[in-house]
Amino acid sequence: MEKNWIEKIKEFIRKAMNEGLRIRAYHTLMGDDSRDYYEIRVFKESSVVEFTVEPTNLCLDTSKGTACFDLSLSKRDLLELDAMILSIEEYNEDMALSDFNNFFSEDEDKPKSIDNLDDDE
């Protein structure tokens, strides 16, 4: 079941990236026993989906509810989560550079002045 959840999260993140959504991800070590703790948030308009993953549980939090599941993640599962965090970081860098490079570019479809409006507008 754990692998299924990891795969579901990965597919969800891939779809969010393909749609150009804002994604935030963190991996930290929690507590004295240095437990891995992953937090991934995907933003779409005014909605947020948040995954919180620890080696022993997963919580899914949305605007409509929360669901938590017991897990037993393997070292491979944790490595896959680390790889996903890295992919999200690279995605965010690409998105930031794209925004930076295109910040002042003019949109050809956007009217420059009132004289550029069509009769229909």
N, C-alpha and C. Protein backbone atom coordinates (compact mmCIF):
# COMPACT_ATOMS: atom_id res chain seq x y z
N MET A 1 0.82 -1.20 0.00
CA MET A 1 0.00 0.00 0.00
C MET A 1 0.86 1.25 0.00
N GLU A 2 1.99 1.22 0.68
CA GLU A 2 2.85 2.40 0.75
C GLU A 2 3.31 2.82 -0.63
N LYS A 3 3.75 1.83 -1.41
CA LYS A 3 4.23 2.12 -2.76
C LYS A 3 3.12 2.76 -3.58
N ASN A 4 1.92 2.28 -3.39
CA ASN A 4 0.78 2.84 -4.09
C ASN A 4 0.63 4.33 -3.75
N TRP A 5 0.73 4.70 -2.49
CA TRP A 5 0.61 6.10 -2.10
C TRP A 5 1.75 6.94 -2.63
N ILE A 6 2.96 6.42 -2.59
CA ILE A 6 4.10 7.16 -3.14
C ILE A 6 3.88 7.40 -4.63
N GLU A 7 3.43 6.38 -5.34
CA GLU A 7 3.17 6.52 -6.77
C GLU A 7 2.03 7.51 -7.04
N LYS A 8 0.99 7.47 -6.22
CA LYS A 8 -0.12 8.42 -6.38
C LYS A 8 0.35 9.86 -6.17
N ILE A 9 1.18 10.07 -5.18
CA ILE A 9 1.70 11.42 -4.92
C ILE A 9 2.58 11.86 -6.08
N LYS A 10 3.45 10.97 -6.56
CA LYS A 10 4.32 11.31 -7.68
C LYS A 10 3.50 11.68 -8.92
N GLU A 11 2.47 10.92 -9.20
CA GLU A 11 1.61 11.21 -10.36
C GLU A 11 0.88 12.54 -10.17
N PHE A 12 0.42 12.81 -8.97
CA PHE A 12 -0.26 14.08 -8.68
C PHE A 12 0.70 15.25 -8.91
N ILE A 13 1.93 15.11 -8.46
CA ILE A 13 2.94 16.17 -8.62
C ILE A 13 3.27 16.35 -10.10
N ARG A 14 3.42 15.26 -10.85
CA ARG A 14 3.69 15.36 -12.29
C ARG A 14 2.57 16.12 -13.00
N LYS A 15 1.33 15.81 -12.64
CA LYS A 15 0.20 16.50 -13.26
C LYS A 15 0.20 17.98 -12.89
N ALA A 16 0.50 18.29 -11.65
CA ALA A 16 0.57 19.70 -11.22
C ALA A 16 1.66 20.44 -11.98
N MET A 17 2.80 19.80 -12.18
CA MET A 17 3.89 20.42 -12.95
C MET A 17 3.48 20.66 -14.39
N ASN A 18 2.82 19.67 -15.00
CA ASN A 18 2.37 19.81 -16.39
C ASN A 18 1.37 20.95 -16.55
N GLU A 19 0.62 21.24 -15.49
CA GLU A 19 -0.34 22.34 -15.53
C GLU A 19 0.28 23.66 -15.10
N GLY A 20 1.56 23.64 -14.72
CA GLY A 20 2.25 24.87 -14.34
C GLY A 20 1.81 25.43 -13.00
N LEU A 21 1.35 24.57 -12.10
CA LEU A 21 0.86 25.02 -10.81
C LEU A 21 2.01 25.34 -9.86
N ARG A 22 1.71 26.12 -8.85
CA ARG A 22 2.70 26.45 -7.82
C ARG A 22 2.80 25.27 -6.85
N ILE A 23 4.04 24.85 -6.58
CA ILE A 23 4.28 23.71 -5.70
C ILE A 23 5.36 24.10 -4.71
N ARG A 24 5.14 23.78 -3.45
CA ARG A 24 6.14 23.99 -2.41
C ARG A 24 6.40 22.66 -1.73
N ALA A 25 7.67 22.35 -1.49
CA ALA A 25 8.01 21.07 -0.88
C ALA A 25 9.17 21.25 0.09
N TYR A 26 9.11 20.52 1.19
CA TYR A 26 10.13 20.58 2.22
C TYR A 26 10.44 19.19 2.74
N HIS A 27 11.68 18.97 3.05
CA HIS A 27 12.11 17.74 3.72
C HIS A 27 12.94 18.18 4.92
N THR A 28 12.49 17.80 6.09
CA THR A 28 13.22 18.14 7.31
C THR A 28 13.34 16.90 8.18
N LEU A 29 14.24 16.98 9.14
CA LEU A 29 14.38 15.94 10.14
C LEU A 29 13.74 16.46 11.43
N MET A 30 12.86 15.66 12.00
CA MET A 30 12.10 16.09 13.17
C MET A 30 12.51 15.32 14.41
N GLY A 31 12.54 15.99 15.52
CA GLY A 31 12.73 15.34 16.82
C GLY A 31 14.13 14.84 17.07
N ASP A 32 14.30 14.30 18.27
CA ASP A 32 15.59 13.77 18.69
C ASP A 32 16.02 12.56 17.88
N ASP A 33 15.05 11.80 17.37
CA ASP A 33 15.38 10.60 16.61
C ASP A 33 15.58 10.89 15.12
N SER A 34 15.55 12.18 14.75
CA SER A 34 15.79 12.63 13.37
C SER A 34 14.91 11.90 12.36
N ARG A 35 13.62 11.86 12.62
CA ARG A 35 12.68 11.24 11.68
C ARG A 35 12.53 12.11 10.44
N ASP A 36 12.47 11.48 9.28
CA ASP A 36 12.21 12.21 8.05
C ASP A 36 10.78 12.72 8.05
N TYR A 37 10.62 13.96 7.58
CA TYR A 37 9.32 14.61 7.54
C TYR A 37 9.25 15.36 6.21
N TYR A 38 8.26 15.02 5.38
CA TYR A 38 8.09 15.64 4.08
C TYR A 38 6.76 16.38 4.06
N GLU A 39 6.81 17.58 3.51
CA GLU A 39 5.59 18.37 3.37
C GLU A 39 5.56 18.92 1.95
N ILE A 40 4.48 18.62 1.23
CA ILE A 40 4.34 19.05 -0.16
C ILE A 40 2.98 19.73 -0.28
N ARG A 41 3.00 20.94 -0.84
CA ARG A 41 1.76 21.69 -1.05
C ARG A 41 1.63 22.05 -2.52
N VAL A 42 0.44 21.84 -3.06
CA VAL A 42 0.14 22.19 -4.44
C VAL A 42 -1.00 23.20 -4.40
N PHE A 43 -0.77 24.34 -5.08
CA PHE A 43 -1.73 25.44 -5.09
C PHE A 43 -2.38 25.54 -6.46
N LYS A 44 -3.70 25.62 -6.47
CA LYS A 44 -4.46 25.84 -7.71
C LYS A 44 -5.56 26.84 -7.40
N GLU A 45 -5.39 28.03 -7.94
CA GLU A 45 -6.30 29.14 -7.66
C GLU A 45 -6.40 29.31 -6.15
N SER A 46 -7.57 29.16 -5.56
CA SER A 46 -7.69 29.34 -4.12
C SER A 46 -7.67 28.02 -3.35
N SER A 47 -7.38 26.92 -4.05
CA SER A 47 -7.34 25.61 -3.40
C SER A 47 -5.91 25.16 -3.14
N VAL A 48 -5.75 24.37 -2.08
CA VAL A 48 -4.45 23.81 -1.72
C VAL A 48 -4.64 22.35 -1.36
N VAL A 49 -3.75 21.51 -1.89
CA VAL A 49 -3.68 20.11 -1.47
C VAL A 49 -2.33 19.95 -0.80
N GLU A 50 -2.35 19.40 0.42
CA GLU A 50 -1.11 19.25 1.18
C GLU A 50 -0.91 17.79 1.57
N PHE A 51 0.30 17.30 1.30
CA PHE A 51 0.72 15.97 1.72
C PHE A 51 1.74 16.14 2.84
N THR A 52 1.53 15.45 3.94
CA THR A 52 2.53 15.39 5.00
C THR A 52 2.88 13.92 5.16
N VAL A 53 4.17 13.59 4.92
CA VAL A 53 4.59 12.20 4.92
C VAL A 53 5.70 12.01 5.94
N GLU A 54 5.52 11.03 6.80
CA GLU A 54 6.54 10.59 7.74
C GLU A 54 6.71 9.09 7.51
N PRO A 55 7.78 8.50 8.00
CA PRO A 55 7.98 7.07 7.77
C PRO A 55 6.83 6.18 8.25
N THR A 56 6.03 6.68 9.19
CA THR A 56 4.95 5.84 9.73
C THR A 56 3.54 6.32 9.39
N ASN A 57 3.41 7.48 8.74
CA ASN A 57 2.07 7.91 8.37
C ASN A 57 2.09 8.94 7.25
N LEU A 58 0.92 9.08 6.62
CA LEU A 58 0.68 10.05 5.56
C LEU A 58 -0.61 10.77 5.89
N CYS A 59 -0.58 12.09 5.80
CA CYS A 59 -1.81 12.87 5.94
C CYS A 59 -2.03 13.66 4.66
N LEU A 60 -3.23 13.63 4.18
CA LEU A 60 -3.67 14.37 3.02
C LEU A 60 -4.65 15.42 3.52
N ASP A 61 -4.35 16.68 3.26
CA ASP A 61 -5.19 17.77 3.76
C ASP A 61 -5.63 18.63 2.58
N THR A 62 -6.94 18.79 2.45
CA THR A 62 -7.51 19.64 1.40
C THR A 62 -8.46 20.64 2.06
N SER A 63 -9.01 21.52 1.24
CA SER A 63 -9.95 22.50 1.79
C SER A 63 -11.24 21.84 2.27
N LYS A 64 -11.49 20.62 1.82
CA LYS A 64 -12.73 19.93 2.20
C LYS A 64 -12.55 18.86 3.25
N GLY A 65 -11.31 18.56 3.64
CA GLY A 65 -11.13 17.55 4.67
C GLY A 65 -9.71 17.06 4.79
N THR A 66 -9.52 16.18 5.76
CA THR A 66 -8.21 15.60 6.04
C THR A 66 -8.36 14.09 6.17
N ALA A 67 -7.37 13.38 5.63
CA ALA A 67 -7.35 11.92 5.76
C ALA A 67 -5.92 11.52 6.10
N CYS A 68 -5.78 10.65 7.10
CA CYS A 68 -4.46 10.17 7.51
C CYS A 68 -4.42 8.65 7.41
N PHE A 69 -3.25 8.12 7.03
CA PHE A 69 -3.08 6.69 6.83
C PHE A 69 -1.79 6.23 7.49
N ASP A 70 -1.82 5.03 8.05
CA ASP A 70 -0.60 4.43 8.59
C ASP A 70 0.25 3.93 7.43
N LEU A 71 1.56 4.14 7.55
CA LEU A 71 2.50 3.69 6.53
C LEU A 71 3.67 2.97 7.19
N SER A 72 4.40 2.25 6.39
CA SER A 72 5.67 1.69 6.80
C SER A 72 6.61 1.86 5.61
N LEU A 73 7.21 3.04 5.50
CA LEU A 73 8.02 3.36 4.33
C LEU A 73 9.39 2.72 4.40
N SER A 74 9.81 2.21 3.27
CA SER A 74 11.14 1.61 3.16
C SER A 74 12.17 2.70 2.87
N LYS A 75 13.44 2.33 2.89
CA LYS A 75 14.49 3.27 2.53
C LYS A 75 14.31 3.73 1.08
N ARG A 76 13.89 2.82 0.21
CA ARG A 76 13.65 3.17 -1.19
C ARG A 76 12.52 4.19 -1.31
N ASP A 77 11.45 4.01 -0.53
CA ASP A 77 10.35 4.98 -0.55
C ASP A 77 10.86 6.36 -0.14
N LEU A 78 11.69 6.41 0.90
CA LEU A 78 12.24 7.69 1.35
C LEU A 78 13.13 8.31 0.29
N LEU A 79 13.91 7.47 -0.42
CA LEU A 79 14.74 7.98 -1.51
C LEU A 79 13.88 8.52 -2.65
N GLU A 80 12.77 7.85 -2.93
CA GLU A 80 11.87 8.34 -3.98
C GLU A 80 11.26 9.67 -3.57
N LEU A 81 10.93 9.83 -2.30
CA LEU A 81 10.42 11.11 -1.82
C LEU A 81 11.50 12.19 -1.94
N ASP A 82 12.74 11.85 -1.61
CA ASP A 82 13.84 12.81 -1.76
C ASP A 82 14.00 13.22 -3.23
N ALA A 83 13.90 12.26 -4.14
CA ALA A 83 14.01 12.55 -5.57
C ALA A 83 12.86 13.45 -6.02
N MET A 84 11.67 13.22 -5.48
CA MET A 84 10.53 14.06 -5.82
C MET A 84 10.75 15.49 -5.33
N ILE A 85 11.28 15.64 -4.12
CA ILE A 85 11.57 16.97 -3.58
C ILE A 85 12.58 17.68 -4.48
N LEU A 86 13.61 16.97 -4.93
CA LEU A 86 14.60 17.54 -5.83
C LEU A 86 13.96 17.96 -7.15
N SER A 87 13.08 17.13 -7.70
CA SER A 87 12.38 17.48 -8.94
C SER A 87 11.53 18.74 -8.75
N ILE A 88 10.88 18.86 -7.61
CA ILE A 88 10.07 20.04 -7.33
C ILE A 88 10.95 21.27 -7.21
N GLU A 89 12.11 21.15 -6.57
CA GLU A 89 13.04 22.28 -6.46
C GLU A 89 13.50 22.73 -7.85
N GLU A 90 13.85 21.77 -8.71
CA GLU A 90 14.27 22.09 -10.08
C GLU A 90 13.12 22.74 -10.86
N TYR A 91 11.92 22.21 -10.69
CA TYR A 91 10.73 22.79 -11.33
C TYR A 91 10.54 24.23 -10.89
N ASN A 92 10.66 24.48 -9.58
CA ASN A 92 10.48 25.84 -9.07
C ASN A 92 11.55 26.79 -9.59
N GLU A 93 12.78 26.31 -9.72
CA GLU A 93 13.85 27.13 -10.30
C GLU A 93 13.52 27.48 -11.75
N ASP A 94 13.09 26.49 -12.52
CA ASP A 94 12.73 26.74 -13.92
C ASP A 94 11.58 27.74 -14.02
N MET A 95 10.57 27.58 -13.17
CA MET A 95 9.42 28.49 -13.20
C MET A 95 9.85 29.91 -12.82
N ALA A 96 10.70 30.05 -11.81
CA ALA A 96 11.17 31.37 -11.39
C ALA A 96 11.99 32.03 -12.49
N LEU A 97 12.89 31.28 -13.12
CA LEU A 97 13.70 31.85 -14.21
C LEU A 97 12.82 32.23 -15.40
N SER A 98 11.83 31.42 -15.70
CA SER A 98 10.91 31.74 -16.79
C SER A 98 10.15 33.03 -16.49
N ASP A 99 9.63 33.16 -15.27
CA ASP A 99 8.94 34.40 -14.88
C ASP A 99 9.88 35.59 -14.95
N PHE A 100 11.10 35.42 -14.47
CA PHE A 100 12.07 36.50 -14.49
C PHE A 100 12.38 36.92 -15.92
N ASN A 101 12.66 35.95 -16.79
CA ASN A 101 13.02 36.26 -18.17
C ASN A 101 11.87 36.86 -18.97
N ASN A 102 10.64 36.53 -18.60
CA ASN A 102 9.48 37.02 -19.35
C ASN A 102 8.73 38.14 -18.64
N PHE A 103 9.25 38.63 -17.56
CA PHE A 103 8.53 39.61 -16.75
C PHE A 103 8.17 40.86 -17.53
N PHE A 104 9.07 41.36 -18.36
CA PHE A 104 8.83 42.59 -19.09
C PHE A 104 8.43 42.38 -20.54
N SER A 105 8.30 41.12 -20.96
CA SER A 105 7.90 40.88 -22.34
C SER A 105 6.44 41.27 -22.52
N GLU A 106 6.16 41.79 -23.67
CA GLU A 106 4.80 42.26 -23.93
C GLU A 106 3.96 41.15 -24.53
N ASP A 107 2.75 41.09 -24.10
CA ASP A 107 1.80 40.12 -24.62
C ASP A 107 1.22 40.67 -25.91
N GLU A 108 1.38 39.93 -27.02
CA GLU A 108 0.90 40.41 -28.31
C GLU A 108 -0.61 40.52 -28.37
N ASP A 109 -1.32 39.73 -27.58
CA ASP A 109 -2.78 39.77 -27.61
C ASP A 109 -3.34 40.90 -26.76
N LYS A 110 -2.52 41.51 -25.96
CA LYS A 110 -2.98 42.55 -25.04
C LYS A 110 -2.98 43.90 -25.75
N PRO A 111 -4.09 44.63 -25.72
CA PRO A 111 -4.11 45.95 -26.35
C PRO A 111 -3.12 46.89 -25.66
N LYS A 112 -2.41 47.68 -26.48
CA LYS A 112 -1.43 48.61 -25.92
C LYS A 112 -2.09 49.92 -25.49
N SER A 113 -3.16 50.29 -26.18
CA SER A 113 -3.89 51.51 -25.83
C SER A 113 -5.33 51.34 -26.25
N ILE A 114 -6.13 52.31 -25.97
CA ILE A 114 -7.54 52.24 -26.33
C ILE A 114 -7.72 52.23 -27.84
N ASP A 115 -6.75 52.76 -28.56
CA ASP A 115 -6.83 52.78 -30.01
C ASP A 115 -6.65 51.39 -30.61
N ASN A 116 -6.08 50.45 -29.86
CA ASN A 116 -5.83 49.11 -30.36
C ASN A 116 -7.02 48.17 -30.15
N LEU A 117 -8.08 48.62 -29.52
CA LEU A 117 -9.23 47.77 -29.26
C LEU A 117 -10.01 47.52 -30.54
N ASP A 118 -10.54 46.31 -30.69
CA ASP A 118 -11.39 45.98 -31.83
C ASP A 118 -12.76 46.63 -31.63
N ASP A 119 -13.54 46.67 -32.69
CA ASP A 119 -14.89 47.23 -32.61
C ASP A 119 -15.75 46.44 -31.64
N ASP A 120 -15.49 45.11 -31.53
CA ASP A 120 -16.30 44.26 -30.65
C ASP A 120 -16.04 44.57 -29.18
N GLU A 121 -14.88 45.12 -28.86
CA GLU A 121 -14.53 45.37 -27.47
C GLU A 121 -15.02 46.72 -27.06
